Protein backbone atom coordinates (compact mmCIF):
# COMPACT_ATOMS: atom_id res chain seq x y z
CA MET A 1 -102.66 -25.16 24.31
CA ILE A 2 -106.31 -26.18 24.16
CA PHE A 3 -107.84 -26.55 20.69
CA GLY A 4 -111.42 -27.28 19.69
CA MET A 5 -113.52 -27.56 16.56
CA PRO A 6 -116.64 -25.77 15.34
CA THR A 7 -119.89 -27.43 14.38
CA LEU A 8 -119.77 -28.18 10.66
CA LEU A 9 -122.58 -28.20 8.10
CA GLU A 10 -121.32 -31.59 6.88
CA MET A 11 -122.10 -33.14 10.27
CA GLU A 12 -125.65 -32.93 11.59
CA SER A 13 -125.05 -35.47 14.38
CA LEU A 14 -123.39 -34.19 17.53
CA ASP A 15 -122.25 -37.74 18.25
CA ASP A 16 -120.34 -37.81 14.94
CA THR A 17 -118.95 -34.34 15.64
CA MET A 18 -117.66 -35.43 19.04
CA ARG A 19 -116.14 -38.55 17.52
CA LEU A 20 -114.26 -36.48 14.93
CA CYS A 21 -113.10 -34.03 17.59
CA LYS A 22 -111.66 -36.88 19.62
CA GLU A 23 -110.05 -38.46 16.56
CA LEU A 24 -108.27 -35.18 15.74
CA GLY A 25 -106.94 -34.88 19.28
CA MET A 26 -108.93 -31.76 20.05
CA GLU A 27 -110.54 -31.07 23.39
CA PHE A 28 -113.85 -29.31 22.85
CA VAL A 29 -116.69 -28.67 20.41
CA GLU A 30 -118.21 -25.23 19.85
CA LEU A 31 -122.01 -25.58 19.68
CA ASN A 32 -123.26 -23.02 17.19
CA MET A 33 -126.68 -21.55 17.94
CA ASN A 34 -127.12 -20.29 14.39
CA LEU A 35 -127.99 -23.88 13.45
CA PRO A 36 -131.48 -25.34 14.02
CA TYR A 37 -130.22 -28.32 16.00
CA TYR A 38 -128.35 -26.17 18.54
CA GLN A 39 -131.18 -23.84 19.51
CA VAL A 40 -131.59 -23.17 23.21
CA GLU A 41 -134.22 -25.91 23.60
CA ARG A 42 -131.63 -28.45 22.43
CA LEU A 43 -128.95 -27.01 24.71
CA GLU A 44 -131.36 -27.51 27.59
CA GLU A 45 -131.21 -31.27 26.94
CA THR A 46 -128.30 -31.23 29.34
CA ASP A 47 -128.39 -34.90 30.36
CA TYR A 48 -127.71 -35.91 26.75
CA LEU A 49 -124.97 -33.30 26.31
CA ARG A 50 -123.27 -34.32 29.56
CA GLU A 51 -123.43 -38.00 28.59
CA LEU A 52 -121.72 -37.32 25.25
CA ALA A 53 -119.08 -35.14 26.89
CA LYS A 54 -118.33 -37.90 29.40
CA ARG A 55 -118.24 -40.60 26.72
CA TYR A 56 -115.69 -38.76 24.59
CA GLN A 57 -113.91 -36.93 27.44
CA LEU A 58 -114.51 -33.57 25.77
CA PHE A 59 -116.20 -30.31 26.74
CA TYR A 60 -118.25 -27.62 25.00
CA THR A 61 -118.19 -23.93 24.26
CA ILE A 62 -121.21 -22.12 22.82
CA HIS A 63 -121.43 -19.66 19.92
CA LEU A 64 -124.46 -17.44 20.46
CA ASP A 65 -126.74 -16.64 17.51
CA GLU A 66 -125.10 -14.00 15.31
CA ASN A 67 -128.47 -12.23 14.95
CA LEU A 68 -128.57 -11.61 18.70
CA ASN A 69 -129.56 -8.00 19.29
CA VAL A 70 -130.11 -7.07 22.92
CA SER A 71 -130.29 -3.41 21.86
CA ASP A 72 -133.20 -3.71 19.44
CA PHE A 73 -135.50 -0.71 19.84
CA ASN A 74 -138.46 -3.12 19.87
CA GLN A 75 -138.41 -4.15 23.52
CA GLY A 76 -140.24 -7.40 22.86
CA VAL A 77 -137.50 -8.42 20.45
CA ALA A 78 -134.71 -7.31 22.80
CA ASP A 79 -136.36 -9.16 25.71
CA ALA A 80 -136.54 -12.36 23.65
CA TYR A 81 -132.82 -12.17 22.90
CA ARG A 82 -132.00 -11.46 26.53
CA GLU A 83 -134.12 -14.42 27.63
CA THR A 84 -132.27 -16.62 25.14
CA VAL A 85 -128.94 -15.56 26.66
CA CYS A 86 -130.21 -16.24 30.19
CA ARG A 87 -131.40 -19.71 29.24
CA THR A 88 -128.15 -20.40 27.46
CA ILE A 89 -126.18 -19.39 30.55
CA GLU A 90 -128.23 -21.83 32.65
CA ALA A 91 -127.54 -24.60 30.14
CA ALA A 92 -123.84 -23.66 30.09
CA LYS A 93 -123.73 -24.06 33.87
CA GLU A 94 -125.22 -27.54 33.60
CA ILE A 95 -122.84 -28.75 30.88
CA LYS A 96 -119.85 -26.81 32.28
CA ALA A 97 -119.28 -24.77 29.11
CA PRO A 98 -116.74 -22.06 30.04
CA ILE A 99 -117.18 -19.76 27.02
CA LEU A 100 -120.16 -18.14 25.31
CA ASN A 101 -119.05 -16.39 22.12
CA LEU A 102 -120.88 -13.18 21.21
CA HIS A 103 -121.02 -11.07 18.03
CA MET A 104 -121.91 -7.40 18.29
CA ASN A 105 -124.89 -6.45 16.15
CA HIS A 106 -124.22 -3.31 14.10
CA GLY A 107 -127.93 -2.53 13.89
CA VAL A 108 -129.69 -0.62 11.13
CA HIS A 109 -128.34 2.34 9.19
CA PHE A 110 -130.00 5.04 7.11
CA THR A 111 -128.22 6.11 3.94
CA LEU A 112 -128.30 9.89 3.52
CA SER A 113 -126.76 12.08 0.84
CA ASN A 114 -123.65 12.56 2.96
CA GLY A 115 -123.26 8.91 3.98
CA LYS A 116 -124.57 6.28 6.38
CA VAL A 117 -126.09 7.08 9.74
CA TRP A 118 -126.07 4.12 12.14
CA LEU A 119 -129.11 4.28 14.40
CA PHE A 120 -127.27 2.94 17.44
CA GLU A 121 -124.84 5.84 16.99
CA ARG A 122 -127.65 8.34 16.56
CA TYR A 123 -129.54 7.04 19.61
CA ARG A 124 -126.45 6.36 21.69
CA ASN A 125 -128.13 6.82 25.10
CA GLU A 126 -130.75 4.19 24.38
CA TYR A 127 -128.04 1.91 23.03
CA MET A 128 -125.85 2.19 26.13
CA GLU A 129 -128.83 1.79 28.46
CA SER A 130 -129.56 -1.56 26.79
CA PHE A 131 -126.06 -2.76 27.65
CA GLN A 132 -126.42 -1.64 31.25
CA VAL A 133 -129.45 -3.93 31.47
CA PHE A 134 -127.62 -6.70 29.62
CA ARG A 135 -124.48 -6.58 31.77
CA THR A 136 -126.43 -6.67 35.01
CA MET A 137 -128.57 -9.55 33.74
CA CYS A 138 -125.50 -11.58 32.72
CA GLU A 139 -123.71 -10.92 36.01
CA GLU A 140 -126.72 -12.11 37.98
CA ALA A 141 -127.28 -15.15 35.75
CA ILE A 142 -123.63 -16.28 35.83
CA GLY A 143 -123.04 -15.55 39.49
CA ASP A 144 -119.97 -17.46 40.69
CA ALA A 145 -119.91 -19.87 37.74
CA ASP A 146 -116.71 -20.09 35.71
CA ILE A 147 -118.23 -18.69 32.51
CA ARG A 148 -117.10 -15.83 30.28
CA ILE A 149 -119.11 -14.15 27.53
CA CYS A 150 -116.45 -13.34 24.96
CA ILE A 151 -117.05 -10.64 22.34
CA GLU A 152 -115.71 -11.52 18.89
CA ASN A 153 -114.40 -9.13 16.26
CA THR A 154 -115.92 -9.48 12.78
CA ASP A 155 -115.56 -6.75 10.14
CA GLY A 156 -114.57 -3.86 12.37
CA PHE A 157 -116.14 -2.56 15.57
CA LYS A 158 -118.13 0.65 15.21
CA THR A 159 -117.30 3.53 17.56
CA TYR A 160 -120.49 3.01 19.54
CA GLU A 161 -119.73 -0.71 19.81
CA LYS A 162 -116.30 -0.01 21.27
CA GLU A 163 -117.94 2.12 23.95
CA ALA A 164 -120.36 -0.69 24.78
CA ILE A 165 -117.60 -3.32 24.77
CA GLU A 166 -115.43 -1.29 27.12
CA TYR A 167 -118.40 -0.99 29.46
CA LEU A 168 -118.98 -4.76 29.35
CA LEU A 169 -115.30 -5.52 29.90
CA GLU A 170 -115.43 -3.72 33.23
CA SER A 171 -117.29 -6.81 34.42
CA LYS A 172 -115.50 -10.07 35.25
CA VAL A 173 -118.05 -12.10 33.29
CA PHE A 174 -117.07 -10.57 29.92
CA GLY A 175 -113.96 -11.12 27.82
CA LEU A 176 -112.73 -10.96 24.24
CA THR A 177 -112.49 -13.44 21.39
CA TRP A 178 -109.88 -12.62 18.77
CA ASP A 179 -110.86 -14.06 15.41
CA ILE A 180 -107.53 -13.78 13.61
CA GLY A 181 -108.99 -14.58 10.17
CA HIS A 182 -111.68 -11.91 10.43
CA SER A 183 -109.00 -9.53 11.65
CA ASN A 184 -106.75 -10.14 8.65
CA ALA A 185 -109.64 -9.95 6.17
CA SER A 186 -110.58 -6.52 7.54
CA ASN A 187 -107.01 -5.13 7.41
CA ASP A 188 -106.55 -5.67 11.16
CA VAL A 189 -108.81 -2.70 11.87
CA ASP A 190 -109.64 -4.05 15.35
CA GLU A 191 -106.13 -5.09 16.37
CA GLU A 192 -105.26 -1.85 18.19
CA PHE A 193 -108.49 -1.97 20.19
CA ILE A 194 -108.03 -5.64 21.06
CA MET A 195 -104.43 -5.13 22.15
CA GLU A 196 -105.46 -2.18 24.33
CA HIS A 197 -107.61 -4.72 26.19
CA HIS A 198 -105.39 -7.78 25.75
CA GLU A 199 -105.71 -8.69 29.43
CA LYS A 200 -109.35 -9.60 28.66
CA LEU A 201 -108.46 -12.08 25.90
CA ASP A 202 -109.96 -15.46 26.82
CA HIS A 203 -110.68 -17.07 23.46
CA PHE A 204 -109.40 -17.27 19.88
CA HIS A 205 -110.96 -18.33 16.60
CA ILE A 206 -108.07 -19.44 14.39
CA HIS A 207 -108.12 -19.93 10.65
CA ASP A 208 -105.92 -18.61 7.90
CA SER A 209 -106.75 -15.72 5.59
CA LEU A 210 -105.56 -14.20 2.33
CA GLU A 211 -106.59 -10.61 1.71
CA ARG A 212 -110.41 -10.64 2.16
CA GLU A 213 -110.79 -14.41 2.06
CA ASP A 214 -110.85 -16.16 5.42
CA HIS A 215 -111.79 -19.47 7.11
CA MET A 216 -108.90 -21.00 5.17
CA THR A 217 -106.86 -24.04 6.22
CA LEU A 218 -104.04 -23.17 8.60
CA GLY A 219 -100.80 -22.56 6.72
CA THR A 220 -102.41 -21.67 3.39
CA GLY A 221 -102.79 -17.91 3.84
CA GLU A 222 -100.77 -14.89 4.91
CA ILE A 223 -101.38 -14.68 8.66
CA ASN A 224 -98.37 -14.87 10.96
CA LEU A 225 -99.84 -17.86 12.78
CA PRO A 226 -96.91 -18.44 15.19
CA GLN A 227 -97.21 -14.84 16.40
CA ARG A 228 -100.96 -15.11 16.98
CA LEU A 229 -100.74 -18.55 18.60
CA GLU A 230 -97.99 -17.37 20.93
CA LEU A 231 -100.30 -14.59 22.11
CA ALA A 232 -103.11 -17.11 22.65
CA LYS A 233 -100.71 -19.28 24.64
CA CYS A 234 -99.52 -16.35 26.77
CA HIS A 235 -103.12 -15.55 27.69
CA ASP A 236 -104.04 -19.20 28.28
CA CYS A 237 -106.79 -18.97 25.66
CA MET A 238 -108.90 -21.74 24.19
CA CYS A 239 -108.75 -21.82 20.39
CA VAL A 240 -111.49 -22.91 17.98
CA VAL A 241 -109.97 -24.11 14.70
CA GLU A 242 -112.70 -22.39 12.69
CA THR A 243 -112.43 -23.91 9.25
CA LYS A 244 -115.72 -24.84 7.58
CA THR A 245 -115.15 -28.35 6.15
CA ILE A 246 -113.97 -31.66 7.51
CA ARG A 247 -111.10 -31.72 5.04
CA ALA A 248 -109.86 -28.25 6.01
CA LEU A 249 -110.18 -29.14 9.70
CA ARG A 250 -108.16 -32.33 9.24
CA GLU A 251 -105.47 -30.47 7.31
CA SER A 252 -105.38 -27.74 9.97
CA ALA A 253 -105.04 -30.34 12.73
CA THR A 254 -102.09 -31.81 10.80
CA TRP A 255 -100.53 -28.33 10.51
CA LEU A 256 -100.84 -27.81 14.27
CA LYS A 257 -99.23 -31.17 14.98
CA ARG A 258 -96.45 -30.67 12.43
CA ASN A 259 -95.64 -27.30 13.98
CA ARG A 260 -95.71 -28.80 17.48
CA TYR A 261 -98.66 -26.88 18.86
CA ARG A 262 -100.26 -30.20 19.85
């Protein structure tokens, strides 16, 4: 199985991150675009990224900005996000990053006397039209490159999001990321949907979880890790060990080795 590590707040140097990744016997680093030093302009410094990857014999995946909203009703905002994705795809081609990880944006809701009304649900046609544009753009940008944009579960997909995801998954350039910690912390609300589309699983985020707490060290929570890891293995998925500290990452790497996953 192929395991990688996330970018950590404790490590601002990519060189140091790559060194730790190699030390732990992992094979790739997930570059997180929520952080200032992994914005698209930095990802376009591809000579530097390729040199580091060659030096440490590692590769990259990319976590797109969690604020990404290609369905924003403000077209200028939506266009800016789409341009960011296009530029990121071009950088991914240059550095041979096989996975771009994508969160769905729930959008804005209005709270009425009888409950919440999600605007993407209310204006479903406009919402789906935005994903038609997005899918076509991504297909053209990726072309024949070996890149998948993998949609990650967070706190439960909305009904309108499931419709959009199913539309995206009709394309060969889109897949799924199963974040098993998020899944457990949200009472596995997305598990049925994910398993209905299990053939599109390309990527896992693995960390342990206990009730609503997640991003825990492997082996310290309540997730049936062998079951989840066996599924990842069966689908030949890459797995980010998504703990948030160096200590937790080291302890998780030890757990994987002790349980003979590495």
